[in-house]
Amino acid sequence: MTSTRIALRAGRARIPLPRLATMHLVERTDPADPSRQRVDVRITAPLVGEAFRYTGSFAYTIRAAAPDEQPES
């Protein structure tokens, strides 16, 4: 995924910011462990190149909500 538009959220307002940076995200399942996701996030700017990068992984599980976690109707 590549995002070329960035905005600032202030409450319900969304304020578009000038195109100063682009965010690139690559996310994939770890072939060795399907419960883990691997991510590679880069923010690049035209004048400075790569300004930020994060690579890592996280694990997750899908579970049914407990009775006390059910949303109110």
Protein backbone atom coordinates (compact mmCIF):
# COMPACT_ATOMS: atom_id res chain seq x y z
CA MET A 1 0.00 0.00 0.00
CA THR A 2 1.26 3.47 -0.82
CA SER A 3 -0.31 6.61 0.58
CA THR A 4 0.47 9.93 -1.09
CA ARG A 5 -1.95 12.07 0.90
CA ILE A 6 -1.57 12.77 4.58
CA ALA A 7 -4.09 14.53 6.81
CA LEU A 8 -4.26 15.72 10.39
CA ARG A 9 -7.32 14.73 12.40
CA ALA A 10 -8.53 17.16 15.04
CA GLY A 11 -11.72 15.82 16.57
CA ARG A 12 -14.08 15.29 13.65
CA ALA A 13 -12.17 17.65 11.39
CA ARG A 14 -9.77 16.28 8.78
CA ILE A 15 -7.16 18.79 7.59
CA PRO A 16 -5.27 17.75 4.43
CA LEU A 17 -1.53 18.45 4.63
CA PRO A 18 0.69 19.37 1.68
CA ARG A 19 2.32 16.47 -0.14
CA LEU A 20 5.56 16.52 1.81
CA ALA A 21 5.89 12.78 2.30
CA THR A 22 4.74 9.41 1.03
CA MET A 23 4.04 6.38 3.21
CA HIS A 24 4.75 2.87 1.89
CA LEU A 25 3.47 -0.20 3.75
CA VAL A 26 4.21 -3.84 2.97
CA GLU A 27 2.37 -6.37 5.15
CA ARG A 28 2.53 -10.13 4.78
CA THR A 29 1.92 -13.31 6.71
CA ASP A 30 4.98 -15.04 8.10
CA PRO A 31 5.28 -18.34 6.17
CA ALA A 32 6.80 -20.04 9.23
CA ASP A 33 3.98 -18.91 11.56
CA PRO A 34 0.64 -17.91 9.97
CA SER A 35 -0.46 -16.17 13.20
CA ARG A 36 2.32 -13.56 12.73
CA GLN A 37 2.20 -10.60 10.38
CA ARG A 38 5.38 -8.93 9.14
CA VAL A 39 5.31 -5.22 8.33
CA ASP A 40 7.70 -2.83 6.62
CA VAL A 41 6.69 0.85 6.81
CA ARG A 42 8.68 3.62 5.11
CA ILE A 43 8.03 7.34 4.97
CA THR A 44 9.90 9.12 2.21
CA ALA A 45 10.13 12.82 1.41
CA PRO A 46 11.25 14.30 -1.91
CA LEU A 47 14.03 16.48 -0.46
CA VAL A 48 15.42 14.13 2.20
CA GLY A 49 14.68 10.62 0.95
CA GLU A 50 13.76 8.04 3.58
CA ALA A 51 12.78 9.94 6.73
CA PHE A 52 11.43 7.02 8.79
CA ARG A 53 11.39 3.24 8.59
CA TYR A 54 9.92 0.53 10.82
CA THR A 55 10.18 -3.19 10.24
CA GLY A 56 8.84 -5.76 12.62
CA SER A 57 6.20 -8.35 13.27
CA PHE A 58 3.26 -8.96 15.53
CA ALA A 59 1.12 -11.94 16.47
CA TYR A 60 -2.61 -11.94 16.78
CA THR A 61 -5.47 -14.28 17.55
CA ILE A 62 -9.09 -14.18 16.54
CA ARG A 63 -11.46 -14.99 19.36
CA ALA A 64 -15.11 -14.58 20.17
CA ALA A 65 -15.96 -11.73 22.50
CA ALA A 66 -16.68 -12.68 26.10
CA PRO A 67 -20.25 -12.00 27.29
CA ASP A 68 -19.12 -8.94 29.27
CA GLU A 69 -17.40 -7.56 26.11
CA GLN A 70 -20.53 -7.59 23.96
CA PRO A 71 -21.54 -4.16 22.62
CA GLU A 72 -24.69 -2.63 24.05
CA SER A 73 -27.74 -2.60 21.78
